[in-house]
PDB file of all heavy atoms in Angstrom:
ATOM      1  N   ALA A   1       1.652  16.891   0.987  1.00  0.00           N
ATOM      2  CA  ALA A   1       2.307  17.259   2.249  1.00  0.00           C
ATOM      3  C   ALA A   1       3.474  18.204   2.013  1.00  0.00           C
ATOM      4  O   ALA A   1       3.660  19.191   2.740  1.00  0.00           O
ATOM      5  CB  ALA A   1       2.775  15.997   2.973  1.00  0.00           C
ATOM      6  N   ILE A   2       4.267  17.921   0.991  1.00  0.00           N
ATOM      7  CA  ILE A   2       5.417  18.775   0.668  1.00  0.00           C
ATOM      8  C   ILE A   2       4.943  20.176   0.280  1.00  0.00           C
ATOM      9  O   ILE A   2       5.520  21.186   0.699  1.00  0.00           O
ATOM     10  CB  ILE A   2       6.240  18.140  -0.472  1.00  0.00           C
ATOM     11  CG1 ILE A   2       6.953  16.876   0.031  1.00  0.00           C
ATOM     12  CG2 ILE A   2       7.262  19.133  -1.034  1.00  0.00           C
ATOM     13  CD1 ILE A   2       7.570  16.042  -1.069  1.00  0.00           C
ATOM     14  N   LYS A   3       3.885  20.228  -0.490  1.00  0.00           N
ATOM     15  CA  LYS A   3       3.360  21.502  -0.994  1.00  0.00           C
ATOM     16  C   LYS A   3       2.904  22.426   0.128  1.00  0.00           C
ATOM     17  O   LYS A   3       3.076  23.646   0.066  1.00  0.00           O
ATOM     18  CB  LYS A   3       2.188  21.203  -1.941  1.00  0.00           C
ATOM     19  CG  LYS A   3       1.537  22.409  -2.595  1.00  0.00           C
ATOM     20  CD  LYS A   3       0.433  21.927  -3.522  1.00  0.00           C
ATOM     21  CE  LYS A   3      -0.252  23.076  -4.229  1.00  0.00           C
ATOM     22  NZ  LYS A   3      -1.341  22.607  -5.121  1.00  0.00           N
ATOM     23  N   PHE A   4       2.341  21.822   1.202  1.00  0.00           N
ATOM     24  CA  PHE A   4       1.732  22.641   2.252  1.00  0.00           C
ATOM     25  C   PHE A   4       2.551  22.698   3.540  1.00  0.00           C
ATOM     26  O   PHE A   4       2.032  23.101   4.580  1.00  0.00           O
ATOM     27  CB  PHE A   4       0.323  22.126   2.558  1.00  0.00           C
ATOM     28  CG  PHE A   4      -0.655  22.382   1.456  1.00  0.00           C
ATOM     29  CD1 PHE A   4      -1.051  21.363   0.602  1.00  0.00           C
ATOM     30  CD2 PHE A   4      -1.171  23.650   1.247  1.00  0.00           C
ATOM     31  CE1 PHE A   4      -1.939  21.600  -0.421  1.00  0.00           C
ATOM     32  CE2 PHE A   4      -2.064  23.910   0.225  1.00  0.00           C
ATOM     33  CZ  PHE A   4      -2.453  22.878  -0.622  1.00  0.00           C
ATOM     34  N   THR A   5       3.817  22.282   3.475  1.00  0.00           N
ATOM     35  CA  THR A   5       4.674  22.337   4.658  1.00  0.00           C
ATOM     36  C   THR A   5       5.816  23.320   4.432  1.00  0.00           C
ATOM     37  O   THR A   5       6.508  23.249   3.411  1.00  0.00           O
ATOM     38  CB  THR A   5       5.242  20.937   4.986  1.00  0.00           C
ATOM     39  OG1 THR A   5       4.155  20.017   5.145  1.00  0.00           O
ATOM     40  CG2 THR A   5       6.060  20.966   6.265  1.00  0.00           C
ATOM     41  N   GLU A   6       6.004  24.221   5.366  1.00  0.00           N
ATOM     42  CA  GLU A   6       7.038  25.243   5.233  1.00  0.00           C
ATOM     43  C   GLU A   6       8.423  24.640   5.453  1.00  0.00           C
ATOM     44  O   GLU A   6       8.568  23.623   6.143  1.00  0.00           O
ATOM     45  CB  GLU A   6       6.795  26.361   6.248  1.00  0.00           C
ATOM     46  CG  GLU A   6       5.504  27.140   6.040  1.00  0.00           C
ATOM     47  CD  GLU A   6       5.493  27.875   4.707  1.00  0.00           C
ATOM     48  OE1 GLU A   6       6.574  28.286   4.247  1.00  0.00           O
ATOM     49  OE2 GLU A   6       4.400  28.035   4.131  1.00  0.00           O
ATOM     50  N   PRO A   7       9.469  25.265   4.878  1.00  0.00           N
ATOM     51  CA  PRO A   7      10.841  24.791   5.097  1.00  0.00           C
ATOM     52  C   PRO A   7      11.150  24.617   6.580  1.00  0.00           C
ATOM     53  O   PRO A   7      10.753  25.436   7.412  1.00  0.00           O
ATOM     54  CB  PRO A   7      11.688  25.921   4.480  1.00  0.00           C
ATOM     55  CG  PRO A   7      10.806  26.499   3.402  1.00  0.00           C
ATOM     56  CD  PRO A   7       9.413  26.428   3.960  1.00  0.00           C
ATOM     57  N   GLY A   8      11.850  23.514   6.884  1.00  0.00           N
ATOM     58  CA  GLY A   8      12.146  23.197   8.266  1.00  0.00           C
ATOM     59  C   GLY A   8      11.144  22.247   8.894  1.00  0.00           C
ATOM     60  O   GLY A   8      11.365  21.755  10.005  1.00  0.00           O
ATOM     61  N   GLY A   9      10.063  21.976   8.176  1.00  0.00           N
ATOM     62  CA  GLY A   9       9.024  21.103   8.698  1.00  0.00           C
ATOM     63  C   GLY A   9       9.349  19.631   8.514  1.00  0.00           C
ATOM     64  O   GLY A   9      10.388  19.262   7.952  1.00  0.00           O
ATOM     65  N   GLU A  10       8.449  18.785   8.999  1.00  0.00           N
ATOM     66  CA  GLU A  10       8.651  17.343   8.936  1.00  0.00           C
ATOM     67  C   GLU A  10       7.448  16.660   8.298  1.00  0.00           C
ATOM     68  O   GLU A  10       6.310  17.098   8.474  1.00  0.00           O
ATOM     69  CB  GLU A  10       8.867  16.757  10.335  1.00  0.00           C
ATOM     70  CG  GLU A  10      10.126  17.228  11.030  1.00  0.00           C
ATOM     71  CD  GLU A  10      10.279  16.607  12.403  1.00  0.00           C
ATOM     72  OE1 GLU A  10       9.312  15.983  12.892  1.00  0.00           O
ATOM     73  OE2 GLU A  10      11.366  16.751  12.999  1.00  0.00           O
ATOM     74  N   ILE A  11       7.722  15.564   7.595  1.00  0.00           N
ATOM     75  CA  ILE A  11       6.680  14.697   7.053  1.00  0.00           C
ATOM     76  C   ILE A  11       6.999  13.288   7.538  1.00  0.00           C
ATOM     77  O   ILE A  11       8.086  12.772   7.289  1.00  0.00           O
ATOM     78  CB  ILE A  11       6.647  14.746   5.513  1.00  0.00           C
ATOM     79  CG1 ILE A  11       6.305  16.158   5.035  1.00  0.00           C
ATOM     80  CG2 ILE A  11       5.627  13.738   4.973  1.00  0.00           C
ATOM     81  CD1 ILE A  11       6.480  16.355   3.549  1.00  0.00           C
ATOM     82  N   THR A  12       6.050  12.688   8.228  1.00  0.00           N
ATOM     83  CA  THR A  12       6.258  11.361   8.805  1.00  0.00           C
ATOM     84  C   THR A  12       5.355  10.353   8.125  1.00  0.00           C
ATOM     85  O   THR A  12       4.135  10.555   8.045  1.00  0.00           O
ATOM     86  CB  THR A  12       5.967  11.367  10.319  1.00  0.00           C
ATOM     87  OG1 THR A  12       6.787  12.356  10.947  1.00  0.00           O
ATOM     88  CG2 THR A  12       6.264  10.011  10.928  1.00  0.00           C
ATOM     89  N   VAL A  13       5.953   9.276   7.628  1.00  0.00           N
ATOM     90  CA  VAL A  13       5.209   8.199   6.976  1.00  0.00           C
ATOM     91  C   VAL A  13       5.279   6.972   7.873  1.00  0.00           C
ATOM     92  O   VAL A  13       6.367   6.497   8.218  1.00  0.00           O
ATOM     93  CB  VAL A  13       5.792   7.879   5.585  1.00  0.00           C
ATOM     94  CG1 VAL A  13       4.972   6.790   4.901  1.00  0.00           C
ATOM     95  CG2 VAL A  13       5.829   9.135   4.715  1.00  0.00           C
ATOM     96  N   THR A  14       4.113   6.469   8.263  1.00  0.00           N
ATOM     97  CA  THR A  14       4.036   5.367   9.219  1.00  0.00           C
ATOM     98  C   THR A  14       3.264   4.203   8.614  1.00  0.00           C
ATOM     99  O   THR A  14       2.235   4.396   7.958  1.00  0.00           O
ATOM    100  CB  THR A  14       3.321   5.821  10.509  1.00  0.00           C
ATOM    101  OG1 THR A  14       3.993   6.971  11.033  1.00  0.00           O
ATOM    102  CG2 THR A  14       3.316   4.714  11.547  1.00  0.00           C
ATOM    103  N   GLY A  15       3.758   2.993   8.838  1.00  0.00           N
ATOM    104  CA  GLY A  15       3.050   1.788   8.427  1.00  0.00           C
ATOM    105  C   GLY A  15       2.565   1.035   9.646  1.00  0.00           C
ATOM    106  O   GLY A  15       3.259   0.957  10.661  1.00  0.00           O
ATOM    107  N   SER A  16       1.343   0.465   9.561  1.00  0.00           N
ATOM    108  CA  SER A  16       0.800  -0.268  10.702  1.00  0.00           C
ATOM    109  C   SER A  16      -0.315  -1.201  10.241  1.00  0.00           C
ATOM    110  O   SER A  16      -0.772  -1.145   9.097  1.00  0.00           O
ATOM    111  CB  SER A  16       0.261   0.704  11.761  1.00  0.00           C
ATOM    112  OG  SER A  16      -0.771   1.507  11.206  1.00  0.00           O
ATOM    113  N   ARG A  17      -0.717  -2.073  11.165  1.00  0.00           N
ATOM    114  CA  ARG A  17      -1.865  -2.946  10.950  1.00  0.00           C
ATOM    115  C   ARG A  17      -2.985  -2.520  11.878  1.00  0.00           C
ATOM    116  O   ARG A  17      -2.758  -2.266  13.056  1.00  0.00           O
ATOM    117  CB  ARG A  17      -1.511  -4.403  11.251  1.00  0.00           C
ATOM    118  CG  ARG A  17      -0.698  -5.106  10.186  1.00  0.00           C
ATOM    119  CD  ARG A  17      -0.545  -6.572  10.555  1.00  0.00           C
ATOM    120  NE  ARG A  17       0.153  -7.309   9.511  1.00  0.00           N
ATOM    121  CZ  ARG A  17      -0.117  -8.566   9.197  1.00  0.00           C
ATOM    122  NH1 ARG A  17      -1.070  -9.214   9.844  1.00  0.00           N
ATOM    123  NH2 ARG A  17       0.562  -9.187   8.256  1.00  0.00           N
ATOM    124  N   VAL A  18      -4.204  -2.471  11.336  1.00  0.00           N
ATOM    125  CA  VAL A  18      -5.379  -2.178  12.155  1.00  0.00           C
ATOM    126  C   VAL A  18      -6.410  -3.258  11.841  1.00  0.00           C
ATOM    127  O   VAL A  18      -7.086  -3.205  10.811  1.00  0.00           O
ATOM    128  CB  VAL A  18      -5.950  -0.776  11.861  1.00  0.00           C
ATOM    129  CG1 VAL A  18      -7.165  -0.506  12.745  1.00  0.00           C
ATOM    130  CG2 VAL A  18      -4.900   0.298  12.066  1.00  0.00           C
ATOM    131  N   GLY A  19      -6.501  -4.247  12.697  1.00  0.00           N
ATOM    132  CA  GLY A  19      -7.387  -5.373  12.413  1.00  0.00           C
ATOM    133  C   GLY A  19      -6.923  -6.110  11.163  1.00  0.00           C
ATOM    134  O   GLY A  19      -5.770  -6.541  11.075  1.00  0.00           O
ATOM    135  N   GLN A  20      -7.814  -6.236  10.193  1.00  0.00           N
ATOM    136  CA  GLN A  20      -7.491  -6.895   8.926  1.00  0.00           C
ATOM    137  C   GLN A  20      -7.128  -5.883   7.837  1.00  0.00           C
ATOM    138  O   GLN A  20      -7.213  -6.196   6.653  1.00  0.00           O
ATOM    139  CB  GLN A  20      -8.688  -7.751   8.467  1.00  0.00           C
ATOM    140  CG  GLN A  20      -9.006  -8.898   9.402  1.00  0.00           C
ATOM    141  CD  GLN A  20      -7.817  -9.826   9.597  1.00  0.00           C
ATOM    142  OE1 GLN A  20      -7.216 -10.286   8.638  1.00  0.00           O
ATOM    143  NE2 GLN A  20      -7.466 -10.079  10.858  1.00  0.00           N
ATOM    144  N   GLN A  21      -6.723  -4.696   8.258  1.00  0.00           N
ATOM    145  CA  GLN A  21      -6.375  -3.638   7.319  1.00  0.00           C
ATOM    146  C   GLN A  21      -4.902  -3.266   7.451  1.00  0.00           C
ATOM    147  O   GLN A  21      -4.352  -3.215   8.553  1.00  0.00           O
ATOM    148  CB  GLN A  21      -7.229  -2.388   7.574  1.00  0.00           C
ATOM    149  CG  GLN A  21      -8.728  -2.610   7.514  1.00  0.00           C
ATOM    150  CD  GLN A  21      -9.231  -2.796   6.095  1.00  0.00           C
ATOM    151  OE1 GLN A  21      -8.796  -2.108   5.185  1.00  0.00           O
ATOM    152  NE2 GLN A  21     -10.149  -3.730   5.915  1.00  0.00           N
ATOM    153  N   ALA A  22      -4.277  -3.007   6.307  1.00  0.00           N
ATOM    154  CA  ALA A  22      -2.939  -2.418   6.289  1.00  0.00           C
ATOM    155  C   ALA A  22      -3.105  -0.906   6.175  1.00  0.00           C
ATOM    156  O   ALA A  22      -3.913  -0.425   5.386  1.00  0.00           O
ATOM    157  CB  ALA A  22      -2.139  -2.955   5.111  1.00  0.00           C
ATOM    158  N   MET A  23      -2.347  -0.152   6.972  1.00  0.00           N
ATOM    159  CA  MET A  23      -2.514   1.302   6.992  1.00  0.00           C
ATOM    160  C   MET A  23      -1.194   2.019   6.718  1.00  0.00           C
ATOM    161  O   MET A  23      -0.149   1.633   7.240  1.00  0.00           O
ATOM    162  CB  MET A  23      -3.068   1.766   8.349  1.00  0.00           C
ATOM    163  CG  MET A  23      -3.191   3.273   8.478  1.00  0.00           C
ATOM    164  SD  MET A  23      -3.817   3.813  10.103  1.00  0.00           S
ATOM    165  CE  MET A  23      -5.539   3.340   9.946  1.00  0.00           C
ATOM    166  N   ILE A  24      -1.280   3.049   5.889  1.00  0.00           N
ATOM    167  CA  ILE A  24      -0.173   3.985   5.684  1.00  0.00           C
ATOM    168  C   ILE A  24      -0.661   5.360   6.103  1.00  0.00           C
ATOM    169  O   ILE A  24      -1.694   5.835   5.620  1.00  0.00           O
ATOM    170  CB  ILE A  24       0.286   4.018   4.217  1.00  0.00           C
ATOM    171  CG1 ILE A  24       0.831   2.665   3.779  1.00  0.00           C
ATOM    172  CG2 ILE A  24       1.352   5.110   4.032  1.00  0.00           C
ATOM    173  CD1 ILE A  24       2.080   2.201   4.504  1.00  0.00           C
ATOM    174  N   THR A  25       0.072   5.988   7.011  1.00  0.00           N
ATOM    175  CA  THR A  25      -0.282   7.322   7.491  1.00  0.00           C
ATOM    176  C   THR A  25       0.782   8.320   7.059  1.00  0.00           C
ATOM    177  O   THR A  25       1.975   8.060   7.211  1.00  0.00           O
ATOM    178  CB  THR A  25      -0.383   7.332   9.031  1.00  0.00           C
ATOM    179  OG1 THR A  25      -1.336   6.362   9.439  1.00  0.00           O
ATOM    180  CG2 THR A  25      -0.808   8.697   9.536  1.00  0.00           C
TER     181      THR A  25
END
């Protein structure tokens, strides 16, 4: 994400549950 994002951009990391799965986005 860092490599392909231009200066001034944002990277958002989200944690959540989806059913019986843990998710990182």
